[in-house]
Amino acid sequence: MVETREDGSVLYSFEEAVQITKGLVRPGLAVDELILLLLGLVDKPINGKVVMQKELFLLYNELKDHLNVVDPHFIKYKYGPFSIGVATLLELLESAGYIKILNKRSKRRAKYYLTAKGREAAKNVLNRLSSFLGEDVIARLKELRRGWDQLGHDGILRYVYQRFPQYREKAELKDKYIHVDWGVTEA
């Protein structure tokens, strides 16, 4: 029930107020949920520690303007953006049975998989976000994840350094990755 007062203010029922504010509040997303979301977008492992960090960095940057995503605090490091919090959460998620990490000691050969428990949690995150963002945005995120996966180790570094040049400063191999105009073709 909406009631307009003499002074021009509007009085809403509790239910109406909740409906109005739903559109104003962006859902929150914790870093562990961001990891589960990334792994759950495509039913395929992520190959390599560097690739995991970079894909998570890219996903965070895709979502931070649309959701209240907890900042993973990426710093400029040897291979571009790196988050010690993400590295720690990956270990914790494995300990809790949400993910499986194979070849942990290898930068390039490490593989990150969702377990059955992790797939269920990732599905819940996806469902929650799709109701807010819409299926078209979720489909775009899935497409982005597939594209990032195809870049591999060197390709994703080149892509991140191109889009976020400030993260090249402390990179050990920054001169190895030349400038590439992504998506630009000459006729």
N, C-alpha and C. Protein backbone atom coordinates (compact mmCIF):
# COMPACT_ATOMS: atom_id res chain seq x y z
N MET A 1 0.83 -1.17 0.00
CA MET A 1 0.00 0.00 0.00
C MET A 1 0.89 1.25 0.00
N VAL A 2 0.68 2.10 -0.96
CA VAL A 2 1.43 3.35 -1.04
C VAL A 2 0.53 4.47 -0.55
N GLU A 3 1.09 5.28 0.34
CA GLU A 3 0.33 6.39 0.89
C GLU A 3 1.13 7.68 0.69
N THR A 4 0.51 8.67 0.04
CA THR A 4 1.16 9.96 -0.12
C THR A 4 0.69 10.88 1.00
N ARG A 5 1.65 11.47 1.68
CA ARG A 5 1.34 12.34 2.81
C ARG A 5 1.14 13.77 2.34
N GLU A 6 0.63 14.61 3.25
CA GLU A 6 0.36 16.02 2.92
C GLU A 6 1.62 16.76 2.51
N ASP A 7 2.76 16.40 3.11
CA ASP A 7 4.01 17.10 2.78
C ASP A 7 4.64 16.60 1.48
N GLY A 8 3.99 15.65 0.81
CA GLY A 8 4.47 15.14 -0.47
C GLY A 8 5.32 13.88 -0.36
N SER A 9 5.70 13.51 0.85
CA SER A 9 6.50 12.29 1.01
C SER A 9 5.61 11.07 0.80
N VAL A 10 6.24 9.96 0.46
CA VAL A 10 5.50 8.74 0.16
C VAL A 10 5.83 7.70 1.22
N LEU A 11 4.80 7.04 1.71
CA LEU A 11 4.95 5.99 2.70
C LEU A 11 4.64 4.65 2.03
N TYR A 12 5.62 3.74 2.06
CA TYR A 12 5.47 2.42 1.44
C TYR A 12 5.29 1.36 2.51
N SER A 13 4.64 0.26 2.12
CA SER A 13 4.57 -0.89 3.02
C SER A 13 5.97 -1.53 3.04
N PHE A 14 6.21 -2.38 4.00
CA PHE A 14 7.50 -3.04 4.11
C PHE A 14 7.82 -3.84 2.85
N GLU A 15 6.84 -4.60 2.35
CA GLU A 15 7.04 -5.43 1.17
C GLU A 15 7.39 -4.58 -0.05
N GLU A 16 6.70 -3.45 -0.21
CA GLU A 16 6.99 -2.56 -1.34
C GLU A 16 8.38 -1.94 -1.21
N ALA A 17 8.76 -1.59 -0.02
CA ALA A 17 10.09 -1.02 0.21
C ALA A 17 11.18 -2.03 -0.12
N VAL A 18 10.96 -3.29 0.25
CA VAL A 18 11.93 -4.34 -0.07
C VAL A 18 12.07 -4.48 -1.58
N GLN A 19 10.95 -4.49 -2.31
CA GLN A 19 10.99 -4.62 -3.76
C GLN A 19 11.73 -3.44 -4.41
N ILE A 20 11.51 -2.26 -3.91
CA ILE A 20 12.16 -1.07 -4.47
C ILE A 20 13.67 -1.13 -4.22
N THR A 21 14.08 -1.52 -3.02
CA THR A 21 15.50 -1.52 -2.69
C THR A 21 16.26 -2.68 -3.30
N LYS A 22 15.57 -3.74 -3.73
CA LYS A 22 16.26 -4.87 -4.36
C LYS A 22 17.09 -4.42 -5.54
N GLY A 23 16.57 -3.52 -6.33
CA GLY A 23 17.30 -3.03 -7.49
C GLY A 23 18.45 -2.12 -7.15
N LEU A 24 18.49 -1.62 -5.93
CA LEU A 24 19.55 -0.70 -5.52
C LEU A 24 20.74 -1.42 -4.89
N VAL A 25 20.52 -2.59 -4.36
CA VAL A 25 21.57 -3.31 -3.65
C VAL A 25 22.21 -4.33 -4.58
N ARG A 26 23.54 -4.22 -4.72
CA ARG A 26 24.27 -5.18 -5.53
C ARG A 26 24.68 -6.35 -4.64
N PRO A 27 24.50 -7.57 -5.12
CA PRO A 27 24.90 -8.71 -4.29
C PRO A 27 26.40 -8.73 -4.06
N GLY A 28 26.80 -9.25 -2.92
CA GLY A 28 28.21 -9.35 -2.59
C GLY A 28 28.79 -10.66 -3.10
N LEU A 29 30.09 -10.64 -3.31
CA LEU A 29 30.79 -11.83 -3.76
C LEU A 29 32.14 -11.87 -3.06
N ALA A 30 32.36 -12.89 -2.25
CA ALA A 30 33.62 -13.06 -1.55
C ALA A 30 34.66 -13.64 -2.51
N VAL A 31 35.92 -13.53 -2.15
CA VAL A 31 36.99 -14.01 -3.04
C VAL A 31 36.91 -15.52 -3.25
N ASP A 32 36.56 -16.27 -2.21
CA ASP A 32 36.42 -17.72 -2.40
C ASP A 32 35.29 -18.04 -3.38
N GLU A 33 34.22 -17.26 -3.34
CA GLU A 33 33.12 -17.44 -4.29
C GLU A 33 33.56 -17.06 -5.71
N LEU A 34 34.42 -16.05 -5.81
CA LEU A 34 34.95 -15.64 -7.11
C LEU A 34 35.77 -16.79 -7.72
N ILE A 35 36.56 -17.46 -6.89
CA ILE A 35 37.35 -18.61 -7.34
C ILE A 35 36.43 -19.73 -7.81
N LEU A 36 35.42 -20.04 -7.00
CA LEU A 36 34.46 -21.10 -7.37
C LEU A 36 33.71 -20.73 -8.65
N LEU A 37 33.34 -19.47 -8.78
CA LEU A 37 32.66 -19.00 -9.99
C LEU A 37 33.55 -19.20 -11.20
N LEU A 38 34.81 -18.78 -11.12
CA LEU A 38 35.74 -18.93 -12.24
C LEU A 38 35.85 -20.38 -12.67
N LEU A 39 36.05 -21.26 -11.70
CA LEU A 39 36.18 -22.69 -12.02
C LEU A 39 34.86 -23.29 -12.50
N GLY A 40 33.74 -22.74 -12.06
CA GLY A 40 32.43 -23.28 -12.41
C GLY A 40 31.86 -22.76 -13.72
N LEU A 41 32.45 -21.73 -14.29
CA LEU A 41 31.94 -21.19 -15.55
C LEU A 41 32.07 -22.19 -16.69
N VAL A 42 33.14 -22.96 -16.67
CA VAL A 42 33.41 -23.95 -17.71
C VAL A 42 33.80 -25.24 -17.00
N ASP A 43 33.28 -26.36 -17.46
CA ASP A 43 33.59 -27.65 -16.83
C ASP A 43 34.93 -28.16 -17.34
N LYS A 44 35.98 -27.46 -16.94
CA LYS A 44 37.32 -27.76 -17.41
C LYS A 44 38.29 -27.19 -16.38
N PRO A 45 39.42 -27.88 -16.12
CA PRO A 45 40.37 -27.33 -15.14
C PRO A 45 41.08 -26.10 -15.68
N ILE A 46 41.65 -25.34 -14.78
CA ILE A 46 42.53 -24.23 -15.16
C ILE A 46 43.95 -24.75 -15.00
N ASN A 47 44.76 -24.56 -16.04
CA ASN A 47 46.11 -25.10 -16.09
C ASN A 47 47.15 -24.05 -15.76
N GLY A 48 47.81 -24.19 -14.63
CA GLY A 48 48.92 -23.32 -14.26
C GLY A 48 48.56 -22.31 -13.19
N LYS A 49 49.51 -22.12 -12.27
CA LYS A 49 49.32 -21.15 -11.19
C LYS A 49 49.20 -19.73 -11.73
N VAL A 50 50.05 -19.41 -12.70
CA VAL A 50 50.04 -18.07 -13.29
C VAL A 50 48.70 -17.83 -13.99
N VAL A 51 48.25 -18.81 -14.75
CA VAL A 51 46.98 -18.68 -15.48
C VAL A 51 45.83 -18.50 -14.50
N MET A 52 45.83 -19.26 -13.40
CA MET A 52 44.77 -19.13 -12.38
C MET A 52 44.73 -17.71 -11.83
N GLN A 53 45.88 -17.19 -11.43
CA GLN A 53 45.93 -15.83 -10.87
C GLN A 53 45.46 -14.80 -11.90
N LYS A 54 45.89 -14.94 -13.15
CA LYS A 54 45.54 -13.95 -14.17
C LYS A 54 44.05 -14.03 -14.54
N GLU A 55 43.51 -15.25 -14.66
CA GLU A 55 42.09 -15.38 -14.98
C GLU A 55 41.23 -14.82 -13.85
N LEU A 56 41.65 -15.04 -12.62
CA LEU A 56 40.90 -14.50 -11.49
C LEU A 56 40.98 -12.97 -11.47
N PHE A 57 42.15 -12.44 -11.78
CA PHE A 57 42.34 -10.99 -11.89
C PHE A 57 41.41 -10.41 -12.96
N LEU A 58 41.35 -11.07 -14.11
CA LEU A 58 40.50 -10.60 -15.21
C LEU A 58 39.02 -10.69 -14.84
N LEU A 59 38.62 -11.80 -14.21
CA LEU A 59 37.22 -11.95 -13.79
C LEU A 59 36.85 -10.89 -12.76
N TYR A 60 37.72 -10.65 -11.80
CA TYR A 60 37.48 -9.60 -10.80
C TYR A 60 37.25 -8.26 -11.50
N ASN A 61 38.08 -7.94 -12.46
CA ASN A 61 37.95 -6.66 -13.17
C ASN A 61 36.69 -6.59 -14.02
N GLU A 62 36.20 -7.73 -14.50
CA GLU A 62 34.94 -7.77 -15.25
C GLU A 62 33.74 -7.50 -14.33
N LEU A 63 33.81 -7.99 -13.09
CA LEU A 63 32.65 -7.96 -12.20
C LEU A 63 32.63 -6.81 -11.20
N LYS A 64 33.75 -6.20 -10.91
CA LYS A 64 33.81 -5.25 -9.79
C LYS A 64 32.90 -4.03 -9.95
N ASP A 65 32.56 -3.67 -11.16
CA ASP A 65 31.66 -2.53 -11.36
C ASP A 65 30.18 -2.92 -11.29
N HIS A 66 29.90 -4.23 -11.30
CA HIS A 66 28.52 -4.71 -11.30
C HIS A 66 28.10 -5.35 -9.99
N LEU A 67 29.08 -5.78 -9.20
CA LEU A 67 28.81 -6.48 -7.94
C LEU A 67 29.69 -5.91 -6.84
N ASN A 68 29.30 -6.15 -5.62
CA ASN A 68 30.16 -5.81 -4.48
C ASN A 68 31.13 -6.96 -4.27
N VAL A 69 32.17 -7.00 -5.09
CA VAL A 69 33.16 -8.07 -5.02
C VAL A 69 34.24 -7.65 -4.03
N VAL A 70 34.55 -8.54 -3.11
CA VAL A 70 35.64 -8.27 -2.17
C VAL A 70 36.93 -8.18 -2.97
N ASP A 71 37.71 -7.14 -2.73
CA ASP A 71 38.95 -6.91 -3.46
C ASP A 71 40.00 -7.94 -3.05
N PRO A 72 40.52 -8.74 -4.00
CA PRO A 72 41.56 -9.72 -3.68
C PRO A 72 42.93 -9.09 -3.45
N HIS A 73 43.06 -7.79 -3.65
CA HIS A 73 44.31 -7.05 -3.43
C HIS A 73 45.45 -7.61 -4.27
N PHE A 74 45.30 -7.51 -5.59
CA PHE A 74 46.36 -7.93 -6.49
C PHE A 74 47.49 -6.91 -6.43
N ILE A 75 48.72 -7.40 -6.40
CA ILE A 75 49.89 -6.53 -6.40
C ILE A 75 50.69 -6.78 -7.67
N LYS A 76 51.58 -5.85 -7.97
CA LYS A 76 52.50 -6.01 -9.10
C LYS A 76 53.58 -6.98 -8.64
N TYR A 77 53.76 -8.06 -9.40
CA TYR A 77 54.71 -9.09 -8.97
C TYR A 77 55.45 -9.66 -10.18
N LYS A 78 56.20 -10.71 -9.97
CA LYS A 78 57.08 -11.29 -10.99
C LYS A 78 56.39 -11.58 -12.32
N TYR A 79 55.17 -12.08 -12.27
CA TYR A 79 54.42 -12.42 -13.48
C TYR A 79 53.16 -11.57 -13.59
N GLY A 80 53.25 -10.31 -13.20
CA GLY A 80 52.09 -9.43 -13.27
C GLY A 80 51.25 -9.51 -12.01
N PRO A 81 49.93 -9.27 -12.13
CA PRO A 81 49.07 -9.23 -10.94
C PRO A 81 49.09 -10.55 -10.17
N PHE A 82 49.26 -10.43 -8.85
CA PHE A 82 49.31 -11.59 -7.97
C PHE A 82 48.64 -11.23 -6.65
N SER A 83 47.90 -12.18 -6.09
CA SER A 83 47.24 -11.97 -4.80
C SER A 83 47.62 -13.10 -3.85
N ILE A 84 48.29 -12.76 -2.76
CA ILE A 84 48.62 -13.75 -1.74
C ILE A 84 47.34 -14.30 -1.12
N GLY A 85 46.31 -13.47 -1.02
CA GLY A 85 45.02 -13.91 -0.50
C GLY A 85 44.40 -14.99 -1.37
N VAL A 86 44.51 -14.84 -2.68
CA VAL A 86 43.99 -15.85 -3.61
C VAL A 86 44.79 -17.14 -3.45
N ALA A 87 46.12 -17.04 -3.38
CA ALA A 87 46.95 -18.23 -3.20
C ALA A 87 46.57 -18.97 -1.93
N THR A 88 46.34 -18.24 -0.85
CA THR A 88 45.95 -18.84 0.42
C THR A 88 44.56 -19.48 0.33
N LEU A 89 43.62 -18.77 -0.29
CA LEU A 89 42.26 -19.31 -0.42
C LEU A 89 42.22 -20.56 -1.29
N LEU A 90 43.06 -20.64 -2.30
CA LEU A 90 43.12 -21.84 -3.12
C LEU A 90 43.50 -23.05 -2.26
N GLU A 91 44.48 -22.86 -1.38
CA GLU A 91 44.89 -23.94 -0.47
C GLU A 91 43.75 -24.29 0.50
N LEU A 92 43.09 -23.27 1.02
CA LEU A 92 41.99 -23.51 1.96
C LEU A 92 40.81 -24.21 1.28
N LEU A 93 40.50 -23.80 0.06
CA LEU A 93 39.42 -24.46 -0.68
C LEU A 93 39.75 -25.92 -0.96
N GLU A 94 41.02 -26.20 -1.19
CA GLU A 94 41.41 -27.60 -1.38
C GLU A 94 41.27 -28.37 -0.06
N SER A 95 41.73 -27.77 1.03
CA SER A 95 41.62 -28.43 2.35
C SER A 95 40.17 -28.71 2.72
N ALA A 96 39.28 -27.81 2.33
CA ALA A 96 37.86 -27.95 2.65
C ALA A 96 37.13 -28.88 1.67
N GLY A 97 37.84 -29.35 0.64
CA GLY A 97 37.24 -30.30 -0.29
C GLY A 97 36.46 -29.70 -1.44
N TYR A 98 36.64 -28.40 -1.71
CA TYR A 98 35.92 -27.76 -2.81
C TYR A 98 36.67 -27.86 -4.14
N ILE A 99 38.00 -27.87 -4.06
CA ILE A 99 38.80 -27.97 -5.28
C ILE A 99 39.89 -29.02 -5.08
N LYS A 100 40.44 -29.46 -6.19
CA LYS A 100 41.58 -30.37 -6.19
C LYS A 100 42.68 -29.69 -6.99
N ILE A 101 43.89 -29.67 -6.45
CA ILE A 101 45.03 -29.08 -7.14
C ILE A 101 46.05 -30.18 -7.41
N LEU A 102 46.34 -30.42 -8.67
CA LEU A 102 47.36 -31.38 -9.06
C LEU A 102 48.65 -30.64 -9.42
N ASN A 103 49.79 -31.27 -9.21
CA ASN A 103 51.10 -30.69 -9.55
C ASN A 103 51.28 -29.31 -8.92
N LYS A 104 51.00 -29.20 -7.65
CA LYS A 104 51.03 -27.91 -6.94
C LYS A 104 52.35 -27.16 -7.07
N ARG A 105 53.43 -27.86 -7.14
CA ARG A 105 54.74 -27.21 -7.11
C ARG A 105 55.15 -26.61 -8.46
N SER A 106 54.42 -26.91 -9.49
CA SER A 106 54.78 -26.44 -10.83
C SER A 106 53.94 -25.22 -11.23
N LYS A 107 54.61 -24.17 -11.70
CA LYS A 107 53.89 -22.96 -12.14
C LYS A 107 52.98 -23.25 -13.33
N ARG A 108 53.51 -24.02 -14.29
CA ARG A 108 52.78 -24.25 -15.54
C ARG A 108 51.94 -25.52 -15.53
N ARG A 109 52.32 -26.52 -14.74
CA ARG A 109 51.63 -27.80 -14.80
C ARG A 109 50.59 -27.99 -13.70
N ALA A 110 50.47 -27.05 -12.79
CA ALA A 110 49.43 -27.15 -11.76
C ALA A 110 48.07 -27.14 -12.45
N LYS A 111 47.15 -27.95 -11.94
CA LYS A 111 45.79 -28.01 -12.50
C LYS A 111 44.79 -27.83 -11.37
N TYR A 112 43.82 -26.96 -11.59
CA TYR A 112 42.80 -26.65 -10.60
C TYR A 112 41.45 -27.19 -11.08
N TYR A 113 40.89 -28.11 -10.30
CA TYR A 113 39.60 -28.74 -10.61
C TYR A 113 38.60 -28.46 -9.51
N LEU A 114 37.33 -28.44 -9.85
CA LEU A 114 36.27 -28.44 -8.84
C LEU A 114 35.98 -29.89 -8.46
N THR A 115 35.77 -30.14 -7.19
CA THR A 115 35.27 -31.44 -6.73
C THR A 115 33.75 -31.42 -6.86
N ALA A 116 33.10 -32.53 -6.52
CA ALA A 116 31.62 -32.56 -6.54
C ALA A 116 31.07 -31.50 -5.59
N LYS A 117 31.67 -31.38 -4.42
CA LYS A 117 31.26 -30.36 -3.45
C LYS A 117 31.47 -28.95 -4.02
N GLY A 118 32.58 -28.76 -4.70
CA GLY A 118 32.88 -27.47 -5.32
C GLY A 118 31.95 -27.13 -6.46
N ARG A 119 31.60 -28.16 -7.26
CA ARG A 119 30.66 -27.92 -8.37
C ARG A 119 29.30 -27.47 -7.85
N GLU A 120 28.87 -28.07 -6.75
CA GLU A 120 27.59 -27.67 -6.14
C GLU A 120 27.65 -26.23 -5.64
N ALA A 121 28.74 -25.88 -4.97
CA ALA A 121 28.90 -24.51 -4.46
C ALA A 121 29.00 -23.51 -5.61
N ALA A 122 29.74 -23.87 -6.67
CA ALA A 122 29.87 -22.99 -7.83
C ALA A 122 28.52 -22.80 -8.52
N LYS A 123 27.74 -23.87 -8.59
CA LYS A 123 26.39 -23.79 -9.19
C LYS A 123 25.51 -22.83 -8.39
N ASN A 124 25.61 -22.87 -7.08
CA ASN A 124 24.84 -21.95 -6.23
C ASN A 124 25.25 -20.50 -6.47
N VAL A 125 26.55 -20.25 -6.61
CA VAL A 125 27.03 -18.89 -6.89
C VAL A 125 26.52 -18.44 -8.26
N LEU A 126 26.64 -19.31 -9.25
CA LEU A 126 26.16 -18.98 -10.61
C LEU A 126 24.67 -18.67 -10.62
N ASN A 127 23.87 -19.48 -9.93
CA ASN A 127 22.42 -19.24 -9.88
C ASN A 127 22.10 -17.91 -9.22
N ARG A 128 22.77 -17.62 -8.13
CA ARG A 128 22.54 -16.37 -7.42
C ARG A 128 22.89 -15.17 -8.31
N LEU A 129 24.02 -15.26 -9.00
CA LEU A 129 24.45 -14.14 -9.84
C LEU A 129 23.61 -14.01 -11.10
N SER A 130 23.17 -15.14 -11.67
CA SER A 130 22.38 -15.04 -12.90
C SER A 130 21.03 -14.38 -12.64
N SER A 131 20.49 -14.54 -11.44
CA SER A 131 19.22 -13.87 -11.13
C SER A 131 19.41 -12.36 -11.03
N PHE A 132 20.61 -11.92 -10.70
CA PHE A 132 20.88 -10.48 -10.61
C PHE A 132 21.42 -9.93 -11.93
N LEU A 133 22.41 -10.61 -12.51
CA LEU A 133 23.07 -10.10 -13.71
C LEU A 133 22.36 -10.47 -15.00
N GLY A 134 21.65 -11.61 -14.98
CA GLY A 134 20.98 -12.09 -16.19
C GLY A 134 21.80 -13.17 -16.88
N GLU A 135 21.10 -14.01 -17.61
CA GLU A 135 21.74 -15.13 -18.30
C GLU A 135 22.72 -14.67 -19.38
N ASP A 136 22.43 -13.53 -20.03
CA ASP A 136 23.32 -13.05 -21.08
C ASP A 136 24.69 -12.69 -20.53
N VAL A 137 24.75 -12.11 -19.34
CA VAL A 137 26.03 -11.76 -18.72
C VAL A 137 26.78 -13.02 -18.31
N ILE A 138 26.07 -13.99 -17.77
CA ILE A 138 26.70 -15.26 -17.39
C ILE A 138 27.25 -15.95 -18.64
N ALA A 139 26.50 -15.92 -19.74
CA ALA A 139 26.98 -16.51 -20.99
C ALA A 139 28.25 -15.81 -21.47
N ARG A 140 28.30 -14.50 -21.32
CA ARG A 140 29.49 -13.73 -21.71
C ARG A 140 30.68 -14.11 -20.84
N LEU A 141 30.45 -14.28 -19.53
CA LEU A 141 31.53 -14.68 -18.63
C LEU A 141 32.06 -16.06 -19.00
N LYS A 142 31.17 -16.96 -19.39
CA LYS A 142 31.60 -18.30 -19.82
C LYS A 142 32.45 -18.20 -21.08
N GLU A 143 32.03 -17.35 -21.99
CA GLU A 143 32.78 -17.14 -23.23
C GLU A 143 34.17 -16.55 -22.93
N LEU A 144 34.21 -15.59 -22.02
CA LEU A 144 35.50 -15.01 -21.63
C LEU A 144 36.42 -16.08 -21.03
N ARG A 145 35.89 -16.90 -20.15
CA ARG A 145 36.71 -17.95 -19.52
C ARG A 145 37.28 -18.89 -20.58
N ARG A 146 36.45 -19.29 -21.56
CA ARG A 146 36.95 -20.16 -22.63
C ARG A 146 38.08 -19.48 -23.40
N GLY A 147 37.90 -18.21 -23.68
CA GLY A 147 38.92 -17.46 -24.40
C GLY A 147 40.21 -17.34 -23.61
N TRP A 148 40.10 -17.04 -22.32
CA TRP A 148 41.29 -16.94 -21.47
C TRP A 148 42.01 -18.28 -21.41
N ASP A 149 41.26 -19.38 -21.30
CA ASP A 149 41.86 -20.71 -21.27
C ASP A 149 42.68 -20.97 -22.53
N GLN A 150 42.16 -20.55 -23.66
CA GLN A 150 42.85 -20.79 -24.94
C GLN A 150 44.15 -20.01 -25.07
N LEU A 151 44.28 -18.92 -24.34
CA LEU A 151 45.49 -18.12 -24.42
C LEU A 151 46.71 -18.85 -23.87
N GLY A 152 46.50 -19.70 -22.87
CA GLY A 152 47.63 -20.38 -22.25
C GLY A 152 48.49 -19.43 -21.43
N HIS A 153 49.60 -19.93 -20.94
CA HIS A 153 50.49 -19.19 -20.04
C HIS A 153 51.02 -17.90 -20.67
N ASP A 154 51.71 -18.02 -21.79
CA ASP A 154 52.30 -16.84 -22.42
C ASP A 154 51.25 -15.89 -22.96
N GLY A 155 50.21 -16.44 -23.55
CA GLY A 155 49.16 -15.60 -24.13
C GLY A 155 48.42 -14.78 -23.09
N ILE A 156 48.13 -15.37 -21.94
CA ILE A 156 47.38 -14.62 -20.92
C ILE A 156 48.26 -13.54 -20.30
N LEU A 157 49.57 -13.82 -20.18
CA LEU A 157 50.48 -12.77 -19.68
C LEU A 157 50.51 -11.60 -20.66
N ARG A 158 50.63 -11.91 -21.93
CA ARG A 158 50.65 -10.85 -22.95
C ARG A 158 49.34 -10.05 -22.90
N TYR A 159 48.22 -10.74 -22.78
CA TYR A 159 46.90 -10.10 -22.74
C TYR A 159 46.76 -9.19 -21.51
N VAL A 160 47.16 -9.68 -20.35
CA VAL A 160 47.06 -8.89 -19.12
C VAL A 160 47.98 -7.68 -19.19
N TYR A 161 49.21 -7.87 -19.66
CA TYR A 161 50.15 -6.75 -19.76
C TYR A 161 49.65 -5.70 -20.74
N GLN A 162 48.94 -6.14 -21.78
CA GLN A 162 48.39 -5.21 -22.76
C GLN A 162 47.25 -4.38 -22.15
N ARG A 163 46.34 -5.06 -21.46
CA ARG A 163 45.16 -4.38 -20.90
C ARG A 163 45.46 -3.62 -19.62
N PHE A 164 46.45 -4.07 -18.86
CA PHE A 164 46.79 -3.46 -17.57
C PHE A 164 48.30 -3.24 -17.51
N PRO A 165 48.82 -2.30 -18.31
CA PRO A 165 50.27 -2.11 -18.41
C PRO A 165 50.96 -1.77 -17.08
N GLN A 166 50.22 -1.23 -16.13
CA GLN A 166 50.81 -0.89 -14.84
C GLN A 166 51.31 -2.13 -14.10
N TYR A 167 50.81 -3.31 -14.45
CA TYR A 167 51.24 -4.54 -13.79
C TYR A 167 52.49 -5.15 -14.41
N ARG A 168 53.05 -4.52 -15.43
CA ARG A 168 54.29 -4.98 -16.06
C ARG A 168 55.51 -4.52 -15.28
N GLU A 169 55.38 -3.47 -14.48
CA GLU A 169 56.53 -2.83 -13.84
C GLU A 169 57.49 -3.79 -13.17
N LYS A 170 57.00 -4.71 -12.36
CA LYS A 170 57.86 -5.62 -11.60
C LYS A 170 57.99 -6.99 -12.26
N ALA A 171 57.39 -7.14 -13.42
CA ALA A 171 57.40 -8.44 -14.09
C ALA A 171 58.80 -8.80 -14.56
N GLU A 172 59.21 -10.04 -14.30
CA GLU A 172 60.53 -10.51 -14.69
C GLU A 172 60.69 -10.62 -16.20
N LEU A 173 59.62 -10.98 -16.88
CA LEU A 173 59.70 -11.24 -18.32
C LEU A 173 58.95 -10.20 -19.15
N LYS A 174 58.84 -8.99 -18.63
CA LYS A 174 58.00 -7.99 -19.31
C LYS A 174 58.44 -7.68 -20.73
N ASP A 175 59.73 -7.76 -21.00
CA ASP A 175 60.21 -7.45 -22.35
C ASP A 175 59.97 -8.59 -23.34
N LYS A 176 59.65 -9.78 -22.82
CA LYS A 176 59.37 -10.93 -23.68
C LYS A 176 58.03 -10.77 -24.39
N TYR A 177 57.11 -10.04 -23.79
CA TYR A 177 55.76 -9.94 -24.32
C TYR A 177 55.56 -8.61 -25.03
N ILE A 178 55.62 -8.68 -26.36
CA ILE A 178 55.49 -7.48 -27.17
C ILE A 178 54.05 -7.01 -27.22
N HIS A 179 53.87 -5.77 -27.64
CA HIS A 179 52.54 -5.17 -27.77
C HIS A 179 51.75 -5.88 -28.87
N VAL A 180 50.51 -6.25 -28.56
CA VAL A 180 49.60 -6.88 -29.53
C VAL A 180 48.28 -6.13 -29.46
N ASP A 181 47.71 -5.78 -30.61
CA ASP A 181 46.38 -5.17 -30.64
C ASP A 181 45.35 -6.28 -30.68
N TRP A 182 44.75 -6.59 -29.53
CA TRP A 182 43.79 -7.69 -29.42
C TRP A 182 42.51 -7.36 -30.16
N GLY A 183 42.10 -8.27 -31.03
CA GLY A 183 40.84 -8.12 -31.74
C GLY A 183 40.89 -7.16 -32.91
N VAL A 184 42.07 -6.64 -33.24
CA VAL A 184 42.20 -5.70 -34.34
C VAL A 184 42.80 -6.44 -35.53
N THR A 185 42.14 -6.39 -36.65
CA THR A 185 42.67 -7.03 -37.86
C THR A 185 42.79 -6.00 -38.96
N GLU A 186 43.73 -6.23 -39.83
CA GLU A 186 43.93 -5.35 -40.98
C GLU A 186 43.37 -6.04 -42.21
N ALA A 187 42.69 -5.28 -43.07
CA ALA A 187 42.13 -5.88 -44.30
C ALA A 187 43.13 -5.80 -45.42
